[in-house]
């Protein structure tokens, strides 16, 4: 097939990569259902992908479709293995680890919000700014580095913050340094969580809340408490997650910023899903989506400590995770493409496992384990205990005396993995 002339070339030049995929699929006399099964997607998802036009695309899906249809990567915006300007990936973005995980979750378009201003001539303020920059640099590495390789470095970084804080002069300096320590402790919690060390993760998140209180910053304290709530929801502790989210709302009062409402509603949705309450989950997701849509109409960046805007794509990712927890295949499959437009590789792997759980709930065993195998590849590459354990959880939901080959192959890969 000649990819360099005709309609495919024109669609590629226009940035309509869905049309490129559609034309290549039809040229090979392949149905949307067949392509979807090969990619681990539903027929309706493939249809939406092909009709997407000049929108933002997930590089994971583009790479998989190009490989299956033998499309030159450049024709779907992938040059030398890297996305061009019209393709959204997010793997180079730094995201504050709330996971929308959470949920993850990460903005398709990020807006940085500056931390509270400090006087550059003030020694404590200058130290706090330098330490915060170091924390930010480590966060950027998280998208491409195993958490196990970063963890010891972050612990040493936190010890340095503590040492400087002890010798700080004046309450103002100590409060600024405590805020920096809160951010670093929260990141350490994320790294421990990714390693699969839930006990240490919970301790670090608790330390982040305590440091935020010492800093005298109620917004930061509420943010860290919401992060702990998110962690508890993903750990399956729905009641505790909802309790922490409620405490975060109460701490902020009626004057909480709109982004806090949108985000906390998504956290509450995760908590309700962990508790098995479908109706309450749907209500919280609706509130979160409405707030996220309203945020898109404003040009103002979110207030610190939120460093990324909260978008409808993040709500889609949250809905996928909630659907997986509740066993609702329709929720998972309806939002799978939007969800995969968020996050870096490790976060996307967790979402892919949620999507796999949705396919499994719908009885699509082969598609489910094709997706789960892709996610497991990422988990092993980054030595992520959390991803591997989530893969094991997906496997446990299938009980059969005669598993098909895709499942047997998956079992063989999981056997002997200890992270």
Protein backbone atom coordinates (compact mmCIF):
# COMPACT_ATOMS: atom_id res chain seq x y z
CA UNK A 1 0.00 0.00 0.00
CA UNK A 2 1.33 3.45 -0.95
CA UNK A 3 1.14 5.62 2.16
CA UNK A 4 2.81 8.64 0.60
CA UNK A 5 0.11 9.66 -1.87
CA UNK A 6 -3.61 10.29 -1.94
CA UNK A 7 -6.08 10.55 0.92
CA UNK A 8 -3.83 9.11 3.64
CA UNK A 9 -1.11 11.66 2.96
CA UNK A 10 -3.65 14.50 2.95
CA UNK A 11 -5.20 13.34 6.23
CA UNK A 12 -1.77 13.08 7.84
CA UNK A 13 -0.77 16.57 6.73
CA UNK A 14 -4.03 17.90 8.19
CA UNK A 15 -3.29 16.22 11.53
CA UNK A 16 -6.34 13.94 11.22
CA UNK A 17 -4.62 10.78 12.44
CA UNK A 18 -7.91 9.00 13.09
CA UNK A 19 -8.70 9.31 9.38
CA UNK A 20 -5.25 7.87 8.56
CA UNK A 21 -6.04 4.84 10.71
CA UNK A 22 -9.50 4.48 9.15
CA UNK A 23 -8.15 4.55 5.58
CA UNK A 24 -5.38 2.07 6.38
CA UNK A 25 -7.85 -0.25 8.10
CA UNK A 26 -10.29 -0.18 5.18
CA UNK A 27 -7.48 -0.73 2.68
CA UNK A 28 -6.71 -3.96 4.51
CA UNK A 29 -10.41 -4.91 4.58
CA UNK A 30 -10.40 -4.98 8.36
CA UNK A 31 -13.47 -4.19 10.45
CA UNK A 32 -13.47 -1.81 13.40
CA UNK A 33 -14.28 -4.76 15.64
CA UNK A 34 -11.24 -6.70 14.42
CA UNK A 35 -8.93 -3.72 14.88
CA UNK A 36 -10.38 -3.10 18.32
CA UNK A 37 -9.77 -6.68 19.38
CA UNK A 38 -6.17 -6.44 18.20
CA UNK A 39 -5.64 -3.22 20.17
CA UNK A 40 -7.69 -4.21 23.20
CA UNK A 41 -10.36 -1.58 22.46
CA UNK A 42 -14.10 -1.75 21.86
CA UNK A 43 -15.61 -1.21 18.39
CA UNK A 44 -17.21 2.02 19.57
CA UNK A 45 -13.85 3.26 20.83
CA UNK A 46 -12.24 2.60 17.44
CA UNK A 47 -15.12 4.46 15.79
CA UNK A 48 -14.60 7.50 18.03
CA UNK A 49 -10.86 7.35 17.40
CA UNK A 50 -11.34 7.40 13.62
CA UNK A 51 -13.76 10.34 13.81
CA UNK A 52 -11.62 12.38 16.22
CA UNK A 53 -10.36 14.75 13.52
CA UNK A 54 -7.61 17.18 14.49
CA UNK A 55 -7.96 16.59 18.23
CA UNK A 56 -5.46 15.34 20.79
CA UNK A 57 -4.46 11.68 20.55
CA UNK A 58 -2.89 9.17 22.92
CA UNK A 59 0.53 8.15 21.64
CA UNK A 60 0.03 4.68 23.13
CA UNK A 61 -2.98 4.09 20.89
CA UNK A 62 -1.35 5.67 17.84
CA UNK A 63 1.75 3.51 18.28
CA UNK A 64 -0.31 0.33 18.65
CA UNK A 65 -2.53 1.10 15.66
CA UNK A 66 0.43 2.07 13.46
CA UNK A 67 2.27 -1.13 14.35
CA UNK A 68 -0.76 -3.34 13.67
CA UNK A 69 -1.66 -1.65 10.37
CA UNK A 70 1.98 -1.18 9.27
CA UNK A 71 1.52 2.58 9.01
CA UNK A 72 4.78 4.59 8.96
CA UNK A 73 4.90 6.27 12.40
CA UNK A 74 5.44 9.75 10.94
CA UNK A 75 2.02 9.59 9.27
CA UNK A 76 0.32 9.50 12.68
CA UNK A 77 2.50 12.20 14.20
CA UNK A 78 5.16 9.91 15.66
CA UNK A 79 8.57 10.93 14.39
CA UNK A 80 11.58 8.96 15.64
CA UNK A 81 9.42 7.44 18.34
CA UNK A 82 8.51 10.85 19.79
CA UNK A 83 5.17 12.66 19.48
CA UNK A 84 4.99 15.79 17.37
CA UNK A 85 3.18 18.91 18.46
CA UNK A 86 -0.35 17.73 17.64
CA UNK A 87 -0.11 14.53 19.67
CA UNK A 88 -0.71 14.62 23.40
CA UNK A 89 1.33 12.28 25.54
CA UNK A 90 2.17 13.99 28.81
CA UNK A 91 5.18 11.78 29.54
CA UNK A 92 7.47 14.80 29.67
CA UNK A 93 5.21 16.73 32.01
CA UNK A 94 5.76 16.92 35.75
CA UNK A 95 2.64 16.12 37.68
CA UNK A 96 2.00 16.60 41.33
CA UNK A 97 1.35 13.12 42.65
CA UNK A 98 -2.26 13.12 43.60
CA UNK A 99 -3.02 10.38 41.19
CA UNK A 100 -6.18 10.74 39.84
CA UNK A 101 -4.22 9.19 40.68
CA UNK A 102 -4.94 8.93 40.94
CA UNK A 103 -5.93 9.42 39.22
CA UNK A 104 -4.00 9.73 38.47
CA UNK A 105 -4.28 11.66 36.49
CA UNK A 106 -2.73 14.27 34.65
CA UNK A 107 -3.67 17.26 32.60
CA UNK A 108 -3.72 17.18 28.84
CA UNK A 109 -2.66 20.81 29.16
CA UNK A 110 -0.84 21.89 32.29
CA UNK A 111 -0.73 25.33 33.85
CA UNK A 112 1.98 25.97 36.38
CA UNK A 113 1.07 28.00 39.42
CA UNK A 114 3.89 29.73 41.28
CA UNK A 115 4.49 29.00 44.97
CA UNK A 116 4.05 31.79 47.51
CA UNK A 117 6.45 34.64 46.83
CA UNK A 118 9.59 34.99 48.92
CA UNK A 119 12.16 37.71 49.28
CA UNK A 120 15.24 36.68 47.33
CA UNK A 121 17.42 38.53 49.81
CA UNK A 122 16.00 36.50 52.67
CA UNK A 123 18.30 33.55 53.44
CA UNK A 124 15.49 31.26 54.54
CA UNK A 125 13.35 32.19 51.56
CA UNK A 126 16.23 31.60 49.17
CA UNK A 127 16.95 28.21 50.71
CA UNK A 128 13.29 27.23 50.51
CA UNK A 129 13.15 28.21 46.83
CA UNK A 130 16.29 26.21 46.03
CA UNK A 131 15.01 23.14 47.88
CA UNK A 132 11.65 23.38 46.14
CA UNK A 133 13.41 23.44 42.76
CA UNK A 134 15.24 20.25 43.73
CA UNK A 135 11.96 18.55 44.65
CA UNK A 136 10.51 19.62 41.30
CA UNK A 137 13.51 18.17 39.47
CA UNK A 138 13.05 14.83 41.20
CA UNK A 139 9.37 14.86 40.28
CA UNK A 140 10.29 15.28 36.63
CA UNK A 141 12.52 12.23 36.85
CA UNK A 142 9.64 10.14 38.18
CA UNK A 143 8.08 9.86 34.73
CA UNK A 144 11.12 8.06 33.33
CA UNK A 145 12.85 6.55 36.38
CA UNK A 146 11.92 3.61 38.63
CA UNK A 147 10.68 4.83 42.01
CA UNK A 148 13.12 2.46 43.70
CA UNK A 149 16.00 4.38 42.16
CA UNK A 150 14.66 7.73 43.40
CA UNK A 151 13.52 6.75 46.87
CA UNK A 152 16.86 6.87 48.72
CA UNK A 153 17.70 10.19 47.08
CA UNK A 154 14.40 11.71 48.18
CA UNK A 155 14.92 10.49 51.74
CA UNK A 156 18.32 12.22 51.77
CA UNK A 157 16.69 15.35 50.31
CA UNK A 158 14.12 15.35 53.12
CA UNK A 159 16.87 14.96 55.74
CA UNK A 160 18.57 18.02 54.25
CA UNK A 161 15.33 20.00 54.46
CA UNK A 162 14.92 18.96 58.10
CA UNK A 163 18.49 19.95 58.92
CA UNK A 164 18.14 23.39 57.34
CA UNK A 165 14.76 23.89 59.05
CA UNK A 166 16.25 23.19 62.48
CA UNK A 167 18.85 25.91 62.00
CA UNK A 168 16.44 28.43 60.44
CA UNK A 169 16.04 31.82 62.09
CA UNK A 170 12.59 33.18 62.65
CA UNK A 171 9.13 31.73 62.24
CA UNK A 172 8.79 32.94 58.65
CA UNK A 173 11.79 30.93 57.49
CA UNK A 174 10.66 27.82 59.36
CA UNK A 175 7.17 28.04 57.89
CA UNK A 176 8.48 28.35 54.33
CA UNK A 177 10.81 25.41 54.85
CA UNK A 178 8.00 23.37 56.43
CA UNK A 179 5.93 23.91 53.27
CA UNK A 180 8.84 22.63 51.17
CA UNK A 181 9.16 19.65 53.50
CA UNK A 182 5.46 18.91 53.07
CA UNK A 183 5.83 18.74 49.29
CA UNK A 184 8.88 16.49 49.54
CA UNK A 185 7.18 14.15 52.04
CA UNK A 186 4.15 13.87 49.77
CA UNK A 187 6.41 12.90 46.87
CA UNK A 188 8.14 10.32 49.06
CA UNK A 189 4.69 8.92 49.81
CA UNK A 190 4.00 8.59 46.09
CA UNK A 191 7.31 6.78 45.53
CA UNK A 192 6.64 4.37 48.40
CA UNK A 193 3.15 3.73 47.02
CA UNK A 194 4.56 2.97 43.58
CA UNK A 195 7.02 0.54 45.16
CA UNK A 196 4.10 -1.24 46.81
CA UNK A 197 5.13 -0.17 50.33
CA UNK A 198 1.76 1.02 51.61
CA UNK A 199 2.84 1.38 55.23
CA UNK A 200 5.63 3.82 54.37
CA UNK A 201 3.37 5.66 51.91
CA UNK A 202 0.77 6.25 54.61
CA UNK A 203 3.45 7.49 57.03
CA UNK A 204 4.87 9.93 54.48
CA UNK A 205 1.44 11.33 53.62
CA UNK A 206 0.78 11.83 57.33
CA UNK A 207 4.11 13.65 57.63
CA UNK A 208 3.15 15.86 54.68
CA UNK A 209 -0.07 16.91 56.44
CA UNK A 210 1.78 17.62 59.68
CA UNK A 211 4.42 19.73 57.91
CA UNK A 212 1.72 21.69 56.06
CA UNK A 213 0.08 22.53 59.38
CA UNK A 214 3.44 23.66 60.75
CA UNK A 215 3.75 25.90 57.70
CA UNK A 216 0.48 27.56 58.71
CA UNK A 217 -0.96 26.94 55.25
CA UNK A 218 -4.52 25.54 55.43
CA UNK A 219 -4.75 25.19 51.64
CA UNK A 220 -1.61 23.04 51.53
CA UNK A 221 -2.78 20.99 54.52
CA UNK A 222 -6.14 20.32 52.86
CA UNK A 223 -4.39 19.38 49.62
CA UNK A 224 -2.18 16.86 51.40
CA UNK A 225 -5.15 15.43 53.28
CA UNK A 226 -6.96 15.01 49.97
CA UNK A 227 -3.90 13.20 48.63
CA UNK A 228 -4.03 10.83 51.60
CA UNK A 229 -7.75 10.30 50.91
CA UNK A 230 -6.91 9.38 47.33
CA UNK A 231 -4.30 6.89 48.49
CA UNK A 232 -6.75 5.27 50.92
CA UNK A 233 -9.38 4.97 48.18
CA UNK A 234 -6.96 3.17 45.88
CA UNK A 235 -5.92 0.95 48.78
CA UNK A 236 -9.56 -0.11 49.14
CA UNK A 237 -10.28 1.83 52.34
CA UNK A 238 -13.37 3.66 51.14
CA UNK A 239 -14.67 4.81 54.53
CA UNK A 240 -11.30 6.27 55.54
CA UNK A 241 -10.92 7.94 52.14
CA UNK A 242 -14.29 9.67 52.49
CA UNK A 243 -13.48 10.72 56.04
CA UNK A 244 -10.20 12.33 54.95
CA UNK A 245 -11.86 14.06 51.99
CA UNK A 246 -14.55 15.47 54.29
CA UNK A 247 -11.89 16.79 56.68
CA UNK A 248 -10.15 18.45 53.73
CA UNK A 249 -13.39 20.18 52.70
CA UNK A 250 -14.08 21.34 56.24
CA UNK A 251 -10.56 22.73 56.57
CA UNK A 252 -11.05 24.84 53.44
CA UNK A 253 -14.57 25.98 54.32
CA UNK A 254 -16.81 27.80 51.88
CA UNK A 255 -13.95 29.81 50.39
CA UNK A 256 -12.17 26.85 48.82
CA UNK A 257 -10.93 27.45 45.24
CA UNK A 258 -12.94 25.90 42.37
CA UNK A 259 -10.13 23.49 41.49
CA UNK A 260 -10.33 22.06 45.01
CA UNK A 261 -14.05 21.35 44.56
CA UNK A 262 -13.47 19.59 41.24
CA UNK A 263 -10.56 17.53 42.54
CA UNK A 264 -12.11 16.60 45.89
CA UNK A 265 -15.28 15.45 44.13
CA UNK A 266 -13.17 13.03 42.09
CA UNK A 267 -11.46 11.81 45.26
CA UNK A 268 -14.87 11.27 46.85
CA UNK A 269 -15.95 9.31 43.78
CA UNK A 270 -12.97 6.99 44.30
CA UNK A 271 -13.90 6.61 47.96
CA UNK A 272 -17.51 5.72 47.16
CA UNK A 273 -16.34 3.24 44.51
CA UNK A 274 -14.02 1.59 47.03
CA UNK A 275 -17.02 1.31 49.37
CA UNK A 276 -19.13 -0.23 46.58
CA UNK A 277 -21.67 2.61 46.35
CA UNK A 278 -22.43 3.07 42.64
CA UNK A 279 -25.05 5.79 43.06
CA UNK A 280 -22.86 7.99 45.26
CA UNK A 281 -19.92 7.41 42.92
CA UNK A 282 -21.93 8.57 39.90
CA UNK A 283 -23.13 11.65 41.77
CA UNK A 284 -19.58 12.62 42.77
CA UNK A 285 -18.30 12.07 39.22
CA UNK A 286 -21.07 14.27 37.83
CA UNK A 287 -20.13 17.04 40.26
CA UNK A 288 -16.45 16.69 39.40
CA UNK A 289 -17.10 16.78 35.66
CA UNK A 290 -19.32 19.86 35.92
CA UNK A 291 -16.67 21.67 37.97
CA UNK A 292 -13.90 20.63 35.56
CA UNK A 293 -15.87 21.89 32.55
CA UNK A 294 -16.43 25.21 34.34
CA UNK A 295 -12.70 25.49 35.04
CA UNK A 296 -11.94 25.20 31.31
CA UNK A 297 -13.77 28.46 30.66
CA UNK A 298 -11.38 30.42 32.89
CA UNK A 299 -7.87 31.46 31.96
CA UNK A 300 -6.57 31.77 35.51
CA UNK A 301 -4.03 29.16 36.66
CA UNK A 302 -4.99 27.09 39.71
CA UNK A 303 -3.67 28.31 43.07
CA UNK A 304 -0.62 26.72 44.61
CA UNK A 305 -0.23 23.87 45.67
CA UNK A 306 -2.21 22.76 42.61
CA UNK A 307 0.28 23.03 39.78
CA UNK A 308 -1.90 21.57 37.02
CA UNK A 309 -5.36 22.46 35.84
CA UNK A 310 -8.06 19.88 36.55
CA UNK A 311 -9.60 18.83 33.24
CA UNK A 312 -12.52 16.68 32.03
CA UNK A 313 -9.88 14.16 30.86
CA UNK A 314 -8.90 13.65 34.48
CA UNK A 315 -12.52 12.99 35.36
CA UNK A 316 -12.64 10.44 32.54
CA UNK A 317 -9.61 8.69 34.05
CA UNK A 318 -11.31 8.71 37.45
CA UNK A 319 -14.49 7.25 35.95
CA UNK A 320 -12.50 4.41 34.37
CA UNK A 321 -10.92 3.57 37.73
CA UNK A 322 -14.27 3.76 39.53
CA UNK A 323 -15.88 1.57 36.89
CA UNK A 324 -13.14 -1.01 37.29
CA UNK A 325 -13.62 -1.07 41.08
CA UNK A 326 -17.39 -1.43 40.72
CA UNK A 327 -17.23 -3.99 37.91
CA UNK A 328 -19.06 -1.68 35.49
CA UNK A 329 -17.70 -2.45 32.03
CA UNK A 330 -19.76 0.31 30.39
CA UNK A 331 -18.10 3.00 32.50
CA UNK A 332 -14.64 1.72 31.68
CA UNK A 333 -15.03 1.20 27.96
CA UNK A 334 -16.94 4.44 27.29
CA UNK A 335 -14.11 6.63 28.60
CA UNK A 336 -11.02 4.56 27.79
CA UNK A 337 -9.60 6.80 25.03
CA UNK A 338 -10.04 10.03 26.99
CA UNK A 339 -8.48 8.44 30.06
CA UNK A 340 -5.40 7.27 28.16
CA UNK A 341 -4.71 10.85 27.06
CA UNK A 342 -3.49 11.56 30.59
CA UNK A 343 -0.45 10.77 32.68
CA UNK A 344 3.02 9.36 32.13
CA UNK A 345 3.89 5.72 31.42
CA UNK A 346 3.41 4.37 34.95
CA UNK A 347 0.10 6.14 35.43
CA UNK A 348 -1.16 5.01 32.04
CA UNK A 349 -0.23 1.42 32.89
CA UNK A 350 -2.51 1.56 35.93
CA UNK A 351 -5.32 2.95 33.80
CA UNK A 352 -4.74 0.25 31.19
CA UNK A 353 -5.15 -2.35 33.94
CA UNK A 354 -8.44 -0.70 34.94
CA UNK A 355 -9.53 -0.86 31.30
CA UNK A 356 -8.48 -4.52 31.22
CA UNK A 357 -10.69 -5.13 34.26
CA UNK A 358 -13.59 -3.54 32.37
CA UNK A 359 -13.07 -5.79 29.36
CA UNK A 360 -12.87 -8.79 31.68
CA UNK A 361 -16.16 -7.78 33.31
CA UNK A 362 -17.67 -7.68 29.81
CA UNK A 363 -16.41 -11.19 29.07
CA UNK A 364 -13.67 -10.13 26.64
CA UNK A 365 -10.94 -12.27 28.12
CA UNK A 366 -8.42 -12.13 25.27
CA UNK A 367 -8.68 -8.34 24.93
CA UNK A 368 -8.41 -7.94 28.71
CA UNK A 369 -5.19 -9.91 29.00
CA UNK A 370 -3.68 -8.33 25.89
CA UNK A 371 -4.06 -5.00 27.69
CA UNK A 372 -2.90 -6.40 31.01
CA UNK A 373 0.24 -7.77 29.37
CA UNK A 374 1.09 -4.34 27.96
CA UNK A 375 0.66 -2.79 31.40
CA UNK A 376 2.75 -5.52 33.00
CA UNK A 377 5.56 -4.71 30.57
CA UNK A 378 5.60 -1.18 31.97
CA UNK A 379 5.46 -2.43 35.54
CA UNK A 380 8.47 -4.68 35.02
CA UNK A 381 10.39 -1.99 33.14
CA UNK A 382 9.96 0.46 36.02
CA UNK A 383 10.04 -2.24 38.72
CA UNK A 384 6.74 -0.91 40.05
CA UNK A 385 5.31 -3.07 42.80
CA UNK A 386 2.03 -1.22 42.56
CA UNK A 387 1.55 -2.01 38.87
CA UNK A 388 2.51 -5.65 39.33
CA UNK A 389 0.14 -6.08 42.28
CA UNK A 390 -2.67 -4.44 40.32
CA UNK A 391 -1.96 -6.88 37.47
CA UNK A 392 -2.24 -9.75 39.94
CA UNK A 393 -5.54 -8.33 41.20
CA UNK A 394 -6.93 -8.29 37.65
CA UNK A 395 -5.84 -11.89 37.20
CA UNK A 396 -7.57 -12.97 40.42
CA UNK A 397 -10.92 -11.77 39.11
CA UNK A 398 -10.91 -14.54 36.49
CA UNK A 399 -11.66 -17.95 37.96
CA UNK A 400 -11.67 -20.82 35.50
CA UNK A 401 -10.33 -24.34 35.47
CA UNK A 402 -9.36 -24.03 31.79
CA UNK A 403 -7.83 -20.59 31.16
CA UNK A 404 -7.25 -19.65 27.49
CA UNK A 405 -3.75 -19.26 26.09
CA UNK A 406 -3.64 -15.48 26.65
CA UNK A 407 -4.24 -16.06 30.35
CA UNK A 408 -1.74 -18.91 30.58
CA UNK A 409 0.90 -16.72 28.94
CA UNK A 410 0.09 -13.93 31.40
CA UNK A 411 0.41 -16.34 34.33
CA UNK A 412 3.78 -17.49 33.04
CA UNK A 413 5.04 -13.91 32.96
CA UNK A 414 3.80 -13.18 36.47
CA UNK A 415 5.33 -16.33 37.90
CA UNK A 416 8.52 -15.57 39.76
CA UNK A 417 8.07 -11.76 39.75
CA UNK A 418 8.85 -10.34 43.18
CA UNK A 419 8.74 -6.56 43.61
